[in-house]
Amino acid sequence: DHPEVKNCISTFEEIAGQPNVRFLGNVAVGYDVTIAELLRRYHVVVLAYGAGSDNRLGIPGEDAHGCFPSSHFVGWFNGVPEHRHLDPDLSGASVAVVGH
């Protein structure tokens, strides 16, 4: 991994190790728990979320060879079996990433 990723992990571990911090993942707000319930139980509620799936941009070249959703590249980079056949061309000196 990149140093900034390891730094993020270290920061998370430091914060999550505090006795007054609790992390609950895979919780669907509005389904598993309501915002009202969270606000009754906690002083601060942070809603952090991202796209659950890739979104098409509708721009020319989106389907060009070597252009693919970031989730596929990250999956390939992290060894996710369903992305093992992705064959990105890593011979260039630079890269463009659209999104976050």
Foldseek 3Di string as FASTA:
>chain_A
DDPVVVVVVVVCCVVCPDPVHDDDPPADAVPNHDVVRVVVVDVDDDDDDDDPDDDDPPDPPCPPPQHDDPVLVVCCVVVPPVSVPDDHDPPDPDDDDPDD
